[in-house]
Amino acid sequence: MNGRKQKLELTWIGKDEELKLEPRILIEDPTKSCGDSNSENMLIYGDNLLALKALEQDFAEKIKCIYIDPPFNTRQAFENYDDNLEHSIWLSLMKYRVELLRALLMNEGVIFVHLNIEELSHFKVLMDEIFGRKNFLQMITIKAASTASFRSINLCPVTVTEYILMYAKNKEIYDRPMQYVKSEYSEDYGTYIRNFDKNYKQWNLVSLDEEVYCRNNIKDWREAREKWGDVWKEIRYFQKKKIAMKEAERIVSLNTLQKPSNKIQEIINKSKVERENVFCLEREDRDPIYVYNGRTLAFFAKKLRLIDGEIVPTEVLTNFWDDISYLSLGLEGGVDFANGKKPEFLIKRVLEIATDPGDWVLDSFLGSGTTSAVAHKMKRNWIGIELGNHAITHSLPRLKTVVDGSEQGGISKIVNWSGGGGFKFYNLASSLLRKDKFGNWIIDEQYNANMLAAAMCKHEGFKFFPDESVYWKQGKSTENDYIFITTSFVTVEQLDKIHEEMKHGESLLICAKSFAPACKDRHNNITIKKIPQMILGKCEFGKDNYDLNIINVSEESED
């Protein structure tokens, strides 16, 4: 051993290459925004790595839940995806995105990454590096297909599953309630308390089968078979379920406790001797424990919960989800997105696990818009990022129908969605700088004064917040630290005038295309720099595409 600290990590060609991302601004397109003009929801059209960088300043540590469904790198060609990437390229591009996503996630937040088997093992190690292995919460297995959809004979078991890796930003403070899913009535709850209204010491426990026979004037199962024929078991089950749902407080399961405490064991031992008697152990701030013939009573009423508007039997949510249908998914949400769409009920479950109404949800691989649609219906705030024409042909129209309430598929009826709210549509701005015909870097002519000011604020770490009365206070980084951006020539006289207006303790950064040489060190509390020279080398200008090669960009004109 050479004494150097070693760690378990995944290595690949290009892993340590550093990207200097330009902090772009976002420009609203009011013609595509929809609904409530005060809505903070954002649909962003542009490269998702640059868009995440654009969000960093305003949304660092503000997102409660991130769900992403990146291209699976299956080495197949899809209509909307060109998914054939080398593992190293895929991992590098995902690494940059996950690092930014982690920065956006609040300390109590959770990220869900939806993958298939192709990159799962590699990506798990990468997530361990970025989020910390200690913050791994779960790997969820989803049954996403059935064998009925496979027409060819495979040499190995058919793949019908996909996976979601679930990580906390900080597992130590992750605190979400247990989640439950619908289940059927289980005949394990097969004991009926006939006189439940009496003191527990007087309870009369009989089998639920016996109670069903009694209510039907039947002696036993033989008479039931004679009366109901070949379906007698089905009829008995249906009637047991009916009684259990209506009289849940009287229905119990007799269980054997594993490793009971000494106090409970004493009662269990006593109940084995004094049979047919019910014993009770009272507990402070907890439900009492009832014991009968050496076994504890579990009440069916405790399994009933309100889920999707109805009281149903439930069971604890596990890491295997086989109850979410992928059938007839193609047109859900009113848009056709073959091979890429996820069920709204899947996203609903993810958001139920990690969020409450009003929390921020982010999906930077929005696709057809499912995550944003579900978040909107569930009254969460959301940000969706998508590159390619289907951001406009799929995500935008889908979310408009969600806002106006005309889209009633997916989870709409379950959550009683009838429309409301709104969102703003943003384009990612072009690069701030471009080269002229002589190879010199100049400010792109698409930038007007406000856009330039906002962009320079991002570059210099200021919040763009123009003062209503003081023209040179265009943004600030602290309470007394301001920035002023101008394309005009700054004279000594102008600088002195600004200095006279400044209050004690204030400081100012001036970004100007040109200024008089005497301005340079004239005042201790004013720094003046020349643009674009002051930002050259800080980031990569002129690059608009860091995508995962996921879009089959069409050169055909739009309809």
Protein backbone atom coordinates (compact mmCIF):
# COMPACT_ATOMS: atom_id res chain seq x y z
CA MET A 1 0.00 0.00 0.00
CA ASN A 2 1.29 3.44 -0.86
CA GLY A 3 -0.74 5.18 1.84
CA ARG A 4 -2.87 7.09 -0.69
CA LYS A 5 -6.57 7.09 0.19
CA GLN A 6 -8.46 5.00 -2.31
CA LYS A 7 -12.16 4.88 -3.11
CA LEU A 8 -14.50 2.73 -5.12
CA GLU A 9 -15.44 4.53 -8.31
CA LEU A 10 -16.42 4.01 -11.92
CA THR A 11 -13.92 5.18 -14.53
CA TRP A 12 -14.32 5.73 -18.26
CA ILE A 13 -12.71 7.69 -21.07
CA GLY A 14 -13.54 11.37 -20.73
CA LYS A 15 -14.91 11.21 -17.18
CA ASP A 16 -12.65 13.96 -15.85
CA GLU A 17 -13.16 16.32 -18.79
CA GLU A 18 -14.49 19.62 -17.45
CA LEU A 19 -17.33 21.47 -19.15
CA LYS A 20 -17.45 25.25 -18.82
CA LEU A 21 -21.17 25.78 -19.31
CA GLU A 22 -22.43 29.21 -20.26
CA PRO A 23 -25.05 30.47 -17.77
CA ARG A 24 -27.75 31.36 -20.32
CA ILE A 25 -30.88 33.36 -19.63
CA LEU A 26 -34.42 32.13 -20.29
CA ILE A 27 -36.76 34.16 -22.50
CA GLU A 28 -40.51 33.82 -22.13
CA ASP A 29 -42.61 33.36 -25.26
CA PRO A 30 -46.00 34.77 -24.16
CA THR A 31 -47.69 33.36 -27.28
CA LYS A 32 -47.05 29.85 -25.95
CA SER A 33 -47.58 30.52 -22.23
CA CYS A 34 -50.96 29.40 -20.95
CA GLY A 35 -53.47 30.13 -18.18
CA ASP A 36 -52.74 32.06 -15.00
CA SER A 37 -50.24 34.82 -15.81
CA ASN A 38 -48.94 34.68 -12.23
CA SER A 39 -48.07 30.98 -12.49
CA GLU A 40 -44.45 30.07 -11.73
CA ASN A 41 -44.59 26.76 -13.62
CA MET A 42 -42.02 26.60 -16.42
CA LEU A 43 -41.90 24.71 -19.71
CA ILE A 44 -38.42 25.23 -21.13
CA TYR A 45 -37.46 24.51 -24.74
CA GLY A 46 -33.75 23.96 -25.20
CA ASP A 47 -30.72 21.82 -24.42
CA ASN A 48 -31.36 20.40 -20.97
CA LEU A 49 -27.78 20.74 -19.69
CA LEU A 50 -27.69 24.44 -20.55
CA ALA A 51 -31.23 24.85 -19.19
CA LEU A 52 -30.23 23.28 -15.87
CA LYS A 53 -27.30 25.69 -15.71
CA ALA A 54 -29.72 28.54 -16.42
CA LEU A 55 -31.87 27.45 -13.46
CA GLU A 56 -28.97 27.07 -11.05
CA GLN A 57 -28.90 30.63 -9.75
CA ASP A 58 -32.62 30.91 -8.93
CA PHE A 59 -33.46 27.31 -8.04
CA ALA A 60 -30.41 25.98 -6.19
CA GLU A 61 -31.66 23.78 -3.32
CA LYS A 62 -35.33 24.58 -4.05
CA ILE A 63 -36.52 21.45 -5.91
CA LYS A 64 -38.24 18.84 -3.73
CA CYS A 65 -38.49 16.03 -6.27
CA ILE A 66 -36.65 15.25 -9.50
CA TYR A 67 -37.85 12.51 -11.82
CA ILE A 68 -35.92 11.84 -15.01
CA ASP A 69 -36.39 9.20 -17.66
CA PRO A 70 -33.22 9.59 -19.76
CA PRO A 71 -32.59 7.66 -22.98
CA PHE A 72 -31.81 4.07 -22.03
CA ASN A 73 -28.84 3.68 -24.42
CA THR A 74 -30.38 0.50 -25.81
CA ARG A 75 -28.49 0.74 -29.12
CA GLN A 76 -31.78 0.83 -30.99
CA ALA A 77 -33.27 3.52 -33.23
CA PHE A 78 -36.62 4.95 -32.21
CA GLU A 79 -38.84 7.46 -33.99
CA ASN A 80 -38.05 10.21 -31.47
CA TYR A 81 -34.73 8.93 -30.14
CA ASP A 82 -31.38 8.12 -31.65
CA ASP A 83 -30.33 6.12 -28.62
CA ASN A 84 -27.11 4.55 -29.90
CA LEU A 85 -24.31 5.92 -27.74
CA GLU A 86 -21.12 4.47 -26.46
CA HIS A 87 -21.27 3.78 -22.71
CA SER A 88 -18.55 6.33 -21.99
CA ILE A 89 -20.31 9.15 -23.84
CA TRP A 90 -23.64 8.31 -22.20
CA LEU A 91 -22.10 8.22 -18.74
CA SER A 92 -20.22 11.49 -19.24
CA LEU A 93 -23.27 13.39 -20.42
CA MET A 94 -25.39 11.93 -17.61
CA LYS A 95 -22.71 12.76 -15.03
CA TYR A 96 -22.77 16.48 -15.90
CA ARG A 97 -26.57 16.53 -15.67
CA VAL A 98 -26.81 14.65 -12.39
CA GLU A 99 -24.25 16.97 -10.78
CA LEU A 100 -26.40 19.97 -11.72
CA LEU A 101 -29.59 18.20 -10.66
CA ARG A 102 -28.11 17.51 -7.25
CA ALA A 103 -27.30 21.22 -6.85
CA LEU A 104 -30.94 22.09 -7.59
CA LEU A 105 -32.33 19.54 -5.12
CA MET A 106 -33.24 20.79 -1.65
CA ASN A 107 -31.71 19.04 1.36
CA GLU A 108 -35.00 17.20 2.03
CA GLY A 109 -35.39 16.32 -1.64
CA VAL A 110 -35.37 13.07 -3.59
CA ILE A 111 -34.31 12.15 -7.12
CA PHE A 112 -35.77 9.26 -9.13
CA VAL A 113 -33.88 8.02 -12.21
CA HIS A 114 -35.81 5.67 -14.50
CA LEU A 115 -33.62 3.18 -16.40
CA ASN A 116 -33.60 -0.24 -17.97
CA ILE A 117 -31.00 -2.96 -17.51
CA GLU A 118 -28.56 -1.56 -20.13
CA GLU A 119 -26.88 1.08 -17.95
CA LEU A 120 -28.37 0.27 -14.54
CA SER A 121 -25.27 -1.21 -12.91
CA HIS A 122 -22.93 1.50 -14.21
CA PHE A 123 -25.31 4.29 -13.29
CA LYS A 124 -25.83 2.98 -9.76
CA VAL A 125 -22.08 3.36 -9.12
CA LEU A 126 -22.14 6.84 -10.66
CA MET A 127 -25.06 7.87 -8.45
CA ASP A 128 -23.22 6.51 -5.42
CA GLU A 129 -20.29 8.79 -6.29
CA ILE A 130 -22.36 11.93 -6.82
CA PHE A 131 -25.02 11.55 -4.12
CA GLY A 132 -23.08 9.32 -1.72
CA ARG A 133 -23.81 5.66 -1.23
CA LYS A 134 -25.25 6.43 2.19
CA ASN A 135 -28.03 8.43 0.50
CA PHE A 136 -29.30 5.54 -1.61
CA LEU A 137 -32.93 4.89 -0.67
CA GLN A 138 -34.23 2.16 -2.96
CA MET A 139 -34.14 0.47 -6.33
CA ILE A 140 -37.69 0.03 -7.57
CA THR A 141 -38.50 -2.70 -10.07
CA ILE A 142 -41.43 -2.01 -12.38
CA LYS A 143 -43.28 -4.58 -14.44
CA ALA A 144 -43.48 -2.56 -17.65
CA ALA A 145 -44.47 -5.25 -20.16
CA SER A 146 -46.06 -8.68 -20.42
CA THR A 147 -44.95 -11.75 -22.30
CA ALA A 148 -48.00 -11.33 -24.55
CA SER A 149 -46.20 -8.48 -26.31
CA PHE A 150 -43.25 -10.68 -27.37
CA ARG A 151 -43.69 -12.47 -30.69
CA SER A 152 -40.28 -14.09 -31.11
CA ILE A 153 -38.64 -16.90 -29.20
CA ASN A 154 -35.84 -15.69 -26.92
CA LEU A 155 -32.82 -17.72 -25.89
CA CYS A 156 -32.99 -16.31 -22.35
CA PRO A 157 -35.74 -15.09 -20.02
CA VAL A 158 -37.79 -12.29 -21.52
CA THR A 159 -37.25 -8.82 -20.06
CA VAL A 160 -40.46 -7.24 -18.76
CA THR A 161 -39.03 -4.90 -16.13
CA GLU A 162 -37.60 -1.41 -15.80
CA TYR A 163 -35.99 0.19 -12.77
CA ILE A 164 -36.01 3.41 -10.78
CA LEU A 165 -33.01 4.40 -8.66
CA MET A 166 -34.13 6.53 -5.71
CA TYR A 167 -31.67 8.74 -3.83
CA ALA A 168 -32.08 11.35 -1.11
CA LYS A 169 -30.05 14.55 -1.09
CA ASN A 170 -29.55 13.88 2.62
CA LYS A 171 -30.93 10.60 3.92
CA GLU A 172 -30.47 11.70 7.53
CA ILE A 173 -33.22 14.30 7.18
CA TYR A 174 -35.38 12.44 4.64
CA ASP A 175 -38.69 12.06 6.43
CA ARG A 176 -41.68 10.96 4.40
CA PRO A 177 -44.72 8.97 5.59
CA MET A 178 -45.15 5.30 4.73
CA GLN A 179 -46.98 4.80 1.44
CA TYR A 180 -49.74 2.25 0.85
CA VAL A 181 -51.29 0.68 -2.23
CA LYS A 182 -54.60 -1.00 -2.89
CA SER A 183 -54.87 -4.70 -2.18
CA GLU A 184 -57.62 -7.30 -2.12
CA TYR A 185 -59.34 -8.64 0.96
CA SER A 186 -57.18 -11.44 2.37
CA GLU A 187 -58.76 -14.50 3.95
CA ASP A 188 -56.03 -14.31 6.57
CA TYR A 189 -58.51 -11.94 8.20
CA GLY A 190 -60.85 -14.84 8.83
CA THR A 191 -62.01 -14.35 12.42
CA TYR A 192 -65.19 -12.49 13.42
CA ILE A 193 -65.95 -10.88 16.80
CA ARG A 194 -69.71 -11.27 17.25
CA ASN A 195 -70.09 -9.05 20.30
CA PHE A 196 -67.45 -6.41 19.58
CA ASP A 197 -69.49 -3.78 21.44
CA LYS A 198 -68.93 -5.67 24.72
CA ASN A 199 -65.84 -5.51 26.93
CA TYR A 200 -62.97 -7.42 25.34
CA LYS A 201 -63.10 -10.00 28.14
CA GLN A 202 -66.54 -11.05 26.86
CA TRP A 203 -65.70 -11.19 23.17
CA ASN A 204 -66.96 -14.21 21.27
CA LEU A 205 -64.61 -15.05 18.39
CA VAL A 206 -65.77 -17.34 15.57
CA SER A 207 -64.47 -18.06 12.10
CA LEU A 208 -65.75 -15.70 9.41
CA ASP A 209 -66.74 -18.79 7.42
CA GLU A 210 -69.06 -19.76 10.27
CA GLU A 211 -70.55 -16.25 10.33
CA VAL A 212 -71.26 -16.43 6.57
CA TYR A 213 -72.95 -19.83 6.96
CA CYS A 214 -75.01 -18.56 9.87
CA ARG A 215 -76.28 -15.54 7.92
CA ASN A 216 -77.31 -17.82 5.06
CA ASN A 217 -78.97 -20.44 7.30
CA ILE A 218 -76.34 -22.96 6.25
CA LYS A 219 -74.77 -25.47 8.61
CA ASP A 220 -71.34 -25.91 7.02
CA TRP A 221 -69.36 -26.00 3.80
CA ARG A 222 -71.14 -29.14 2.61
CA GLU A 223 -74.49 -27.40 2.68
CA ALA A 224 -72.90 -24.37 1.05
CA ARG A 225 -71.70 -26.54 -1.81
CA GLU A 226 -75.15 -28.05 -2.18
CA LYS A 227 -76.83 -24.63 -2.17
CA TRP A 228 -74.39 -22.68 -4.37
CA GLY A 229 -72.96 -25.43 -6.56
CA ASP A 230 -69.49 -25.34 -8.12
CA VAL A 231 -69.01 -21.64 -7.35
CA TRP A 232 -69.67 -22.02 -3.62
CA LYS A 233 -66.11 -20.98 -2.69
CA GLU A 234 -66.32 -17.84 -4.82
CA ILE A 235 -69.68 -16.89 -3.27
CA ARG A 236 -68.34 -17.52 0.24
CA TYR A 237 -65.28 -15.34 -0.47
CA PHE A 238 -67.47 -12.54 -1.86
CA GLN A 239 -69.69 -12.59 1.24
CA LYS A 240 -66.71 -12.67 3.59
CA LYS A 241 -65.24 -9.66 1.78
CA LYS A 242 -68.58 -7.85 1.98
CA ILE A 243 -68.82 -8.39 5.74
CA ALA A 244 -65.16 -7.41 6.23
CA MET A 245 -65.60 -4.12 4.37
CA LYS A 246 -68.80 -3.19 6.23
CA GLU A 247 -67.77 -4.42 9.70
CA ALA A 248 -63.99 -4.05 9.54
CA GLU A 249 -63.64 -3.35 13.27
CA ARG A 250 -65.01 -6.87 14.00
CA ILE A 251 -62.68 -8.72 11.61
CA VAL A 252 -59.28 -9.88 12.85
CA SER A 253 -56.33 -12.00 11.86
CA LEU A 254 -54.68 -14.26 14.45
CA ASN A 255 -50.93 -13.72 14.23
CA THR A 256 -47.81 -15.14 15.82
CA LEU A 257 -45.44 -12.39 17.00
CA GLN A 258 -41.77 -12.69 16.18
CA LYS A 259 -39.53 -11.84 19.15
CA PRO A 260 -42.20 -10.41 21.48
CA SER A 261 -41.13 -8.42 24.53
CA ASN A 262 -41.04 -10.17 27.90
CA LYS A 263 -44.26 -8.46 29.00
CA ILE A 264 -46.14 -9.56 25.86
CA GLN A 265 -44.69 -13.07 26.11
CA GLU A 266 -46.10 -13.41 29.61
CA ILE A 267 -49.58 -12.61 28.33
CA ILE A 268 -49.15 -14.98 25.37
CA ASN A 269 -48.15 -17.81 27.71
CA LYS A 270 -51.12 -17.09 29.99
CA SER A 271 -53.55 -17.07 27.06
CA LYS A 272 -52.33 -20.50 25.94
CA VAL A 273 -53.45 -21.86 29.30
CA GLU A 274 -56.68 -19.89 29.72
CA ARG A 275 -57.97 -20.59 26.25
CA GLU A 276 -60.97 -18.86 24.62
CA ASN A 277 -60.26 -15.76 26.72
CA VAL A 278 -59.05 -12.45 25.32
CA PHE A 279 -56.24 -10.62 27.14
CA CYS A 280 -55.17 -7.03 26.66
CA LEU A 281 -51.92 -5.13 27.15
CA GLU A 282 -52.55 -1.38 27.37
CA ARG A 283 -49.79 0.87 25.98
CA GLU A 284 -49.29 4.60 26.39
CA ASP A 285 -49.78 6.53 23.12
CA ARG A 286 -50.12 3.30 21.17
CA ASP A 287 -52.92 0.89 20.36
CA PRO A 288 -53.44 -1.90 22.92
CA ILE A 289 -52.35 -5.43 22.08
CA TYR A 290 -55.02 -8.12 22.27
CA VAL A 291 -54.05 -11.78 22.70
CA TYR A 292 -56.23 -14.85 22.13
CA ASN A 293 -55.13 -18.49 22.47
CA GLY A 294 -51.46 -17.51 22.26
CA ARG A 295 -51.84 -15.28 19.22
CA THR A 296 -52.23 -11.53 18.78
CA LEU A 297 -55.22 -9.94 17.07
CA ALA A 298 -54.62 -7.76 13.99
CA PHE A 299 -57.71 -5.76 13.05
CA PHE A 300 -58.80 -5.51 9.43
CA ALA A 301 -59.92 -1.93 10.04
CA LYS A 302 -56.23 -0.97 10.31
CA LYS A 303 -55.73 -2.07 6.69
CA LEU A 304 -58.44 0.21 5.33
CA ARG A 305 -57.37 3.58 3.96
CA LEU A 306 -58.65 6.26 1.63
CA ILE A 307 -56.87 5.86 -1.70
CA ASP A 308 -57.96 7.66 -4.85
CA GLY A 309 -61.27 8.61 -3.32
CA GLU A 310 -62.40 5.25 -1.93
CA ILE A 311 -61.88 3.21 1.23
CA VAL A 312 -60.01 0.06 0.27
CA PRO A 313 -57.83 -2.64 1.82
CA THR A 314 -54.17 -1.69 1.54
CA GLU A 315 -50.69 -3.02 1.96
CA VAL A 316 -47.37 -1.28 2.42
CA LEU A 317 -45.78 -0.09 -0.82
CA THR A 318 -42.78 -2.26 -1.69
CA ASN A 319 -39.96 -1.90 -4.21
CA PHE A 320 -41.78 -4.11 -6.76
CA TRP A 321 -44.52 -2.37 -8.72
CA ASP A 322 -46.62 -4.66 -10.86
CA ASP A 323 -49.94 -2.87 -10.47
CA ILE A 324 -49.44 0.03 -12.91
CA SER A 325 -50.72 -0.71 -16.39
CA TYR A 326 -48.69 0.14 -19.48
CA LEU A 327 -51.48 -1.02 -21.80
CA SER A 328 -53.10 1.49 -24.20
CA LEU A 329 -50.56 4.08 -23.14
CA GLY A 330 -49.84 5.44 -26.61
CA LEU A 331 -52.50 8.16 -26.63
CA GLU A 332 -52.61 8.98 -22.91
CA GLY A 333 -52.56 12.73 -22.50
CA GLY A 334 -53.81 13.20 -26.05
CA VAL A 335 -50.38 12.83 -27.69
CA ASP A 336 -48.78 9.87 -29.41
CA PHE A 337 -45.25 9.18 -28.17
CA ALA A 338 -44.38 5.59 -28.97
CA ASN A 339 -41.72 3.78 -26.90
CA GLY A 340 -41.07 6.73 -24.63
CA LYS A 341 -44.14 7.58 -22.59
CA LYS A 342 -44.59 6.64 -18.93
CA PRO A 343 -48.01 6.12 -17.30
CA GLU A 344 -49.45 9.04 -15.36
CA PHE A 345 -50.18 6.64 -12.49
CA LEU A 346 -46.46 5.86 -12.25
CA ILE A 347 -45.56 9.54 -11.87
CA LYS A 348 -48.46 10.01 -9.44
CA ARG A 349 -46.94 7.36 -7.16
CA VAL A 350 -43.48 8.93 -7.39
CA LEU A 351 -44.86 12.33 -6.41
CA GLU A 352 -46.92 10.84 -3.58
CA ILE A 353 -43.76 9.26 -2.17
CA ALA A 354 -41.68 12.43 -2.26
CA THR A 355 -43.85 15.57 -2.33
CA ASP A 356 -46.79 17.53 -0.99
CA PRO A 357 -48.94 20.12 -2.81
CA GLY A 358 -46.94 23.26 -3.48
CA ASP A 359 -43.56 21.50 -3.70
CA TRP A 360 -41.34 21.96 -6.76
CA VAL A 361 -41.00 19.05 -9.21
CA LEU A 362 -38.43 18.96 -12.03
CA ASP A 363 -38.11 16.73 -15.10
CA SER A 364 -35.25 17.59 -17.45
CA PHE A 365 -36.13 14.83 -19.96
CA LEU A 366 -39.78 15.81 -20.26
CA GLY A 367 -40.60 13.91 -23.45
CA SER A 368 -44.36 14.04 -24.00
CA GLY A 369 -44.92 16.03 -20.81
CA THR A 370 -46.17 13.33 -18.43
CA THR A 371 -44.31 14.50 -15.31
CA SER A 372 -45.43 18.12 -15.67
CA ALA A 373 -49.01 17.07 -16.49
CA VAL A 374 -49.25 14.91 -13.38
CA ALA A 375 -47.54 17.49 -11.16
CA HIS A 376 -49.99 20.12 -12.39
CA LYS A 377 -53.02 17.92 -11.69
CA MET A 378 -51.64 17.14 -8.23
CA LYS A 379 -51.14 20.86 -7.48
CA ARG A 380 -47.35 20.77 -7.39
CA ASN A 381 -45.18 23.49 -8.92
CA TRP A 382 -43.19 22.17 -11.84
CA ILE A 383 -40.36 22.75 -14.30
CA GLY A 384 -40.18 20.70 -17.48
CA ILE A 385 -37.25 20.83 -19.91
CA GLU A 386 -37.31 19.33 -23.39
CA LEU A 387 -35.23 19.64 -26.56
CA GLY A 388 -36.60 18.93 -30.02
CA ASN A 389 -39.78 19.63 -31.90
CA HIS A 390 -41.88 17.42 -29.67
CA ALA A 391 -41.46 20.01 -26.89
CA ILE A 392 -43.85 22.03 -29.05
CA THR A 393 -45.76 19.25 -30.82
CA HIS A 394 -46.26 17.08 -27.71
CA SER A 395 -45.50 18.70 -24.34
CA LEU A 396 -46.99 22.12 -25.09
CA PRO A 397 -50.41 21.03 -26.42
CA ARG A 398 -50.73 18.37 -23.73
CA LEU A 399 -50.11 20.84 -20.92
CA LYS A 400 -52.51 23.35 -22.46
CA THR A 401 -55.30 20.75 -22.35
CA VAL A 402 -54.40 20.04 -18.72
CA VAL A 403 -54.75 23.72 -17.88
CA ASP A 404 -58.09 24.12 -19.68
CA GLY A 405 -59.41 20.86 -18.19
CA SER A 406 -60.26 19.20 -21.51
CA GLU A 407 -57.68 16.44 -20.96
CA GLN A 408 -59.46 13.86 -18.79
CA GLY A 409 -57.20 10.84 -19.26
CA GLY A 410 -54.60 9.42 -16.91
CA ILE A 411 -55.15 10.45 -13.30
CA SER A 412 -57.63 13.29 -14.04
CA LYS A 413 -60.75 11.60 -12.71
CA ILE A 414 -58.97 10.08 -9.72
CA VAL A 415 -57.76 13.49 -8.51
CA ASN A 416 -60.93 15.30 -9.67
CA TRP A 417 -59.01 17.47 -12.10
CA SER A 418 -61.14 19.99 -14.00
CA GLY A 419 -58.53 22.52 -15.09
CA GLY A 420 -56.86 25.60 -13.67
CA GLY A 421 -53.48 27.17 -13.04
CA GLY A 422 -51.06 27.87 -15.84
CA PHE A 423 -47.46 27.87 -17.00
CA LYS A 424 -44.95 30.03 -18.82
CA PHE A 425 -43.13 28.85 -21.92
CA TYR A 426 -39.43 29.73 -22.12
CA ASN A 427 -36.82 29.46 -24.84
CA LEU A 428 -33.20 29.10 -23.92
CA ALA A 429 -31.44 32.26 -25.12
CA SER A 430 -28.75 32.06 -27.76
CA SER A 431 -25.14 32.32 -26.68
CA LEU A 432 -24.25 35.79 -25.40
CA LEU A 433 -21.11 36.01 -27.54
CA ARG A 434 -20.35 35.05 -31.12
CA LYS A 435 -17.38 35.54 -33.40
CA ASP A 436 -17.53 38.16 -36.12
CA LYS A 437 -16.09 37.65 -39.61
CA PHE A 438 -12.64 38.56 -38.30
CA GLY A 439 -12.75 35.97 -35.53
CA ASN A 440 -13.31 38.48 -32.74
CA TRP A 441 -15.80 37.79 -29.96
CA ILE A 442 -18.70 40.22 -29.97
CA ILE A 443 -22.07 40.44 -28.22
CA ASP A 444 -24.76 38.66 -30.22
CA GLU A 445 -27.06 41.20 -31.84
CA GLN A 446 -30.13 39.32 -30.56
CA TYR A 447 -29.38 40.68 -27.09
CA ASN A 448 -31.19 43.90 -26.26
CA ALA A 449 -30.24 46.03 -23.23
CA ASN A 450 -32.36 44.11 -20.71
CA MET A 451 -31.23 40.72 -22.03
CA LEU A 452 -27.59 41.80 -21.87
CA ALA A 453 -28.03 43.07 -18.32
CA ALA A 454 -29.72 39.84 -17.22
CA ALA A 455 -27.03 37.71 -18.88
CA MET A 456 -24.17 39.66 -17.33
CA CYS A 457 -25.81 39.40 -13.92
CA LYS A 458 -25.76 35.59 -14.29
CA HIS A 459 -22.13 35.60 -15.39
CA GLU A 460 -21.04 37.72 -12.43
CA GLY A 461 -23.22 36.08 -9.77
CA PHE A 462 -25.73 38.91 -9.37
CA LYS A 463 -29.53 38.71 -9.29
CA PHE A 464 -31.09 40.71 -12.11
CA PHE A 465 -33.35 43.10 -10.21
CA PRO A 466 -33.52 46.59 -11.79
CA ASP A 467 -34.27 49.40 -9.36
CA GLU A 468 -37.32 51.45 -10.32
CA SER A 469 -35.67 54.81 -9.66
CA VAL A 470 -31.88 54.31 -9.76
CA TYR A 471 -30.84 53.36 -13.30
CA TRP A 472 -27.40 52.02 -12.38
CA LYS A 473 -28.81 49.53 -9.85
CA GLN A 474 -29.65 46.75 -12.33
CA GLY A 475 -28.86 43.85 -10.05
CA LYS A 476 -27.32 42.96 -6.72
CA SER A 477 -25.43 40.15 -5.07
CA THR A 478 -25.72 41.39 -1.50
CA GLU A 479 -27.76 44.09 0.16
CA ASN A 480 -25.19 46.79 -0.77
CA ASP A 481 -23.36 45.25 -3.73
CA TYR A 482 -24.74 46.34 -7.14
CA ILE A 483 -24.05 45.87 -10.84
CA PHE A 484 -24.58 48.18 -13.83
CA ILE A 485 -24.30 47.06 -17.46
CA THR A 486 -24.07 49.52 -20.35
CA THR A 487 -23.09 49.48 -23.99
CA SER A 488 -22.37 53.22 -23.91
CA PHE A 489 -18.98 54.81 -23.43
CA VAL A 490 -18.49 55.64 -19.74
CA THR A 491 -16.85 59.01 -19.03
CA VAL A 492 -15.13 60.21 -15.86
CA GLU A 493 -17.94 62.71 -15.35
CA GLN A 494 -20.58 59.98 -15.48
CA LEU A 495 -18.59 57.86 -13.06
CA ASP A 496 -18.25 60.74 -10.61
CA LYS A 497 -21.98 61.43 -10.83
CA ILE A 498 -22.79 57.79 -9.96
CA HIS A 499 -20.29 57.93 -7.09
CA GLU A 500 -22.04 60.99 -5.65
CA GLU A 501 -25.36 59.10 -5.67
CA MET A 502 -23.97 56.04 -3.91
CA LYS A 503 -24.69 55.62 -0.23
CA HIS A 504 -22.14 54.80 2.45
CA GLY A 505 -21.18 51.10 2.33
CA GLU A 506 -22.43 50.50 -1.21
CA SER A 507 -20.20 49.03 -3.91
CA LEU A 508 -20.72 48.83 -7.66
CA LEU A 509 -19.46 46.73 -10.57
CA ILE A 510 -19.79 48.47 -13.94
CA CYS A 511 -19.67 46.33 -17.08
CA ALA A 512 -19.19 48.54 -20.14
CA LYS A 513 -18.20 48.07 -23.76
CA SER A 514 -15.74 50.95 -23.37
CA PHE A 515 -14.74 53.61 -20.85
CA ALA A 516 -12.25 56.41 -20.35
CA PRO A 517 -8.89 55.15 -19.04
CA ALA A 518 -9.12 57.44 -16.03
CA CYS A 519 -12.19 55.56 -14.83
CA LYS A 520 -10.18 52.45 -14.01
CA ASP A 521 -9.14 53.15 -10.41
CA ARG A 522 -10.92 56.41 -9.76
CA HIS A 523 -13.12 55.29 -6.84
CA ASN A 524 -12.38 52.52 -4.32
CA ASN A 525 -16.00 51.36 -4.20
CA ILE A 526 -16.48 51.20 -7.99
CA THR A 527 -14.96 48.51 -10.21
CA ILE A 528 -15.23 48.92 -13.96
CA LYS A 529 -14.61 46.16 -16.49
CA LYS A 530 -14.88 45.86 -20.25
CA ILE A 531 -17.28 43.48 -22.00
CA PRO A 532 -16.97 41.04 -23.58
CA GLN A 533 -13.31 40.70 -22.55
CA MET A 534 -14.19 40.32 -18.84
CA ILE A 535 -16.03 37.03 -19.41
CA LEU A 536 -13.91 35.43 -22.14
CA GLY A 537 -12.47 32.13 -20.97
CA LYS A 538 -14.95 31.75 -18.14
CA CYS A 539 -17.20 29.46 -20.14
CA GLU A 540 -17.78 27.93 -23.56
CA PHE A 541 -19.60 30.37 -25.83
CA GLY A 542 -21.33 29.50 -29.06
CA LYS A 543 -22.18 25.88 -28.21
CA ASP A 544 -25.90 25.20 -28.22
CA ASN A 545 -26.01 21.43 -28.02
CA TYR A 546 -24.89 19.17 -25.18
CA ASP A 547 -27.73 16.70 -25.79
CA LEU A 548 -27.54 12.95 -25.41
CA ASN A 549 -28.06 12.56 -29.16
CA ILE A 550 -31.62 11.73 -28.19
CA ILE A 551 -33.42 13.73 -30.81
CA ASN A 552 -33.80 12.75 -34.41
CA VAL A 553 -33.67 16.34 -35.56
CA SER A 554 -35.76 16.67 -38.72
CA GLU A 555 -34.76 19.07 -41.43
CA GLU A 556 -38.30 19.15 -42.76
CA SER A 557 -40.14 22.40 -42.30
CA GLU A 558 -42.89 22.63 -39.71
CA ASP A 559 -46.50 22.45 -40.86
